[in-house]
Amino acid sequence: MKILIYGAGVIGSVYAARLYQTGCDITLLARDKHYERLKQNGIVIKNVLTGK
């Protein structure tokens, strides 16, 4: 399944990462600083409680 997520903020990034883990083909729409950060690092999800 192909999915476009419009917005690379916190919620959009979490949804994108989780859907990608289930095998979906994800396109994440981003701009400006978010775009540059995603281009360099990809999506990085960090648990605030554990630091992982």
Protein backbone atom coordinates (compact mmCIF):
# COMPACT_ATOMS: atom_id res chain seq x y z
CA MET A 1 0.00 0.00 0.00
CA LYS A 2 1.31 3.47 -0.86
CA ILE A 3 0.62 6.25 1.64
CA LEU A 4 1.42 9.98 1.54
CA ILE A 5 1.74 11.70 4.90
CA TYR A 6 1.30 15.42 4.55
CA GLY A 7 3.43 16.96 7.29
CA ALA A 8 6.68 15.81 8.84
CA GLY A 9 6.05 17.07 12.36
CA VAL A 10 6.04 14.85 15.40
CA ILE A 11 2.76 13.07 14.70
CA GLY A 12 3.38 12.69 10.96
CA SER A 13 6.83 11.25 11.59
CA VAL A 14 5.55 8.77 14.18
CA TYR A 15 2.78 7.59 11.86
CA ALA A 16 5.26 7.30 8.98
CA ALA A 17 7.70 5.24 11.01
CA ARG A 18 5.03 2.89 12.36
CA LEU A 19 3.36 2.39 8.98
CA TYR A 20 6.75 1.75 7.38
CA GLN A 21 7.42 -0.97 9.97
CA THR A 22 4.22 -2.73 8.87
CA GLY A 23 5.45 -2.83 5.26
CA CYS A 24 3.66 0.17 3.75
CA ASP A 25 5.37 2.31 1.09
CA ILE A 26 5.49 5.73 2.77
CA THR A 27 6.11 9.16 1.30
CA LEU A 28 6.51 11.90 3.89
CA LEU A 29 5.99 15.47 2.69
CA ALA A 30 8.34 17.92 4.40
CA ARG A 31 9.76 21.37 3.76
CA ASP A 32 12.50 23.72 4.95
CA LYS A 33 14.42 22.53 8.04
CA HIS A 34 12.35 19.36 8.45
CA TYR A 35 13.17 18.34 4.88
CA GLU A 36 16.91 18.89 5.34
CA ARG A 37 16.93 17.00 8.65
CA LEU A 38 15.01 14.06 7.16
CA LYS A 39 17.23 14.01 4.10
CA GLN A 40 20.35 13.70 6.27
CA ASN A 41 19.13 11.48 9.12
CA GLY A 42 15.83 9.89 8.12
CA ILE A 43 13.19 9.54 10.83
CA VAL A 44 14.61 9.09 14.31
CA ILE A 45 12.13 8.02 17.00
CA LYS A 46 13.40 8.32 20.56
CA ASN A 47 11.61 7.15 23.68
CA VAL A 48 11.69 10.02 26.17
CA LEU A 49 11.52 7.70 29.18
CA THR A 50 14.20 5.19 28.18
CA GLY A 51 16.34 7.27 25.83
CA LYS A 52 16.29 4.49 23.22
